[in-house]
């Protein structure tokens, strides 16, 4: 994967996390929204670990 592709994927994952943060703020008691937000964080974490070689 090229550096540009990596940056694009990280950018998209960060936008997804930010969108889910807004969703959680709008529906703090909705477990489905919380699970989606958790999934977005796990996806970003996995991508960052892969890039870091961890």
Protein backbone atom coordinates (compact mmCIF):
# COMPACT_ATOMS: atom_id res chain seq x y z
CA UNK A 1 0.00 0.00 0.00
CA UNK A 2 1.40 3.39 -0.97
CA UNK A 3 1.83 6.25 1.47
CA UNK A 4 -0.99 8.13 -0.28
CA UNK A 5 -3.33 5.15 0.15
CA UNK A 6 -2.39 4.86 3.81
CA UNK A 7 -3.04 8.56 4.40
CA UNK A 8 -6.37 8.32 2.58
CA UNK A 9 -7.48 5.36 4.71
CA UNK A 10 -6.36 7.02 7.94
CA UNK A 11 -8.16 10.22 6.96
CA UNK A 12 -11.36 8.32 6.19
CA UNK A 13 -11.12 6.41 9.47
CA UNK A 14 -10.61 9.65 11.41
CA UNK A 15 -13.65 11.21 9.72
CA UNK A 16 -15.65 8.12 10.61
CA UNK A 17 -14.60 8.43 14.27
CA UNK A 18 -15.52 12.12 14.30
CA UNK A 19 -18.91 11.37 12.76
CA UNK A 20 -19.58 8.69 15.33
CA UNK A 21 -18.54 11.09 18.12
CA UNK A 22 -21.24 13.48 16.90
CA UNK A 23 -23.74 10.60 16.74
CA UNK A 24 -22.94 9.61 20.33
CA UNK A 25 -23.37 13.23 21.44
CA UNK A 26 -26.78 13.22 19.77
CA UNK A 27 -27.88 9.88 21.20
CA UNK A 28 -25.80 9.18 24.32
CA UNK A 29 -28.11 6.43 25.59
CA UNK A 30 -28.38 4.47 22.33
CA UNK A 31 -26.35 1.24 22.61
CA UNK A 32 -26.39 0.72 18.83
CA UNK A 33 -24.76 4.11 18.28
CA UNK A 34 -22.23 3.38 21.02
CA UNK A 35 -21.34 0.05 19.38
CA UNK A 36 -20.91 1.72 15.98
CA UNK A 37 -18.64 4.33 17.55
CA UNK A 38 -16.64 1.59 19.26
CA UNK A 39 -16.28 -0.17 15.91
CA UNK A 40 -15.01 3.02 14.29
CA UNK A 41 -12.40 3.39 17.03
CA UNK A 42 -11.34 -0.26 16.67
CA UNK A 43 -10.98 0.20 12.90
CA UNK A 44 -8.79 3.29 13.35
CA UNK A 45 -6.74 1.52 16.03
CA UNK A 46 -6.16 -1.50 13.79
CA UNK A 47 -5.12 0.71 10.89
CA UNK A 48 -2.71 2.73 13.03
CA UNK A 49 -1.19 -0.46 14.48
CA UNK A 50 -0.72 -1.88 10.98
CA UNK A 51 1.01 1.29 9.83
CA UNK A 52 3.22 1.35 12.93
CA UNK A 53 4.11 -2.30 12.47
CA UNK A 54 2.80 -3.30 15.89
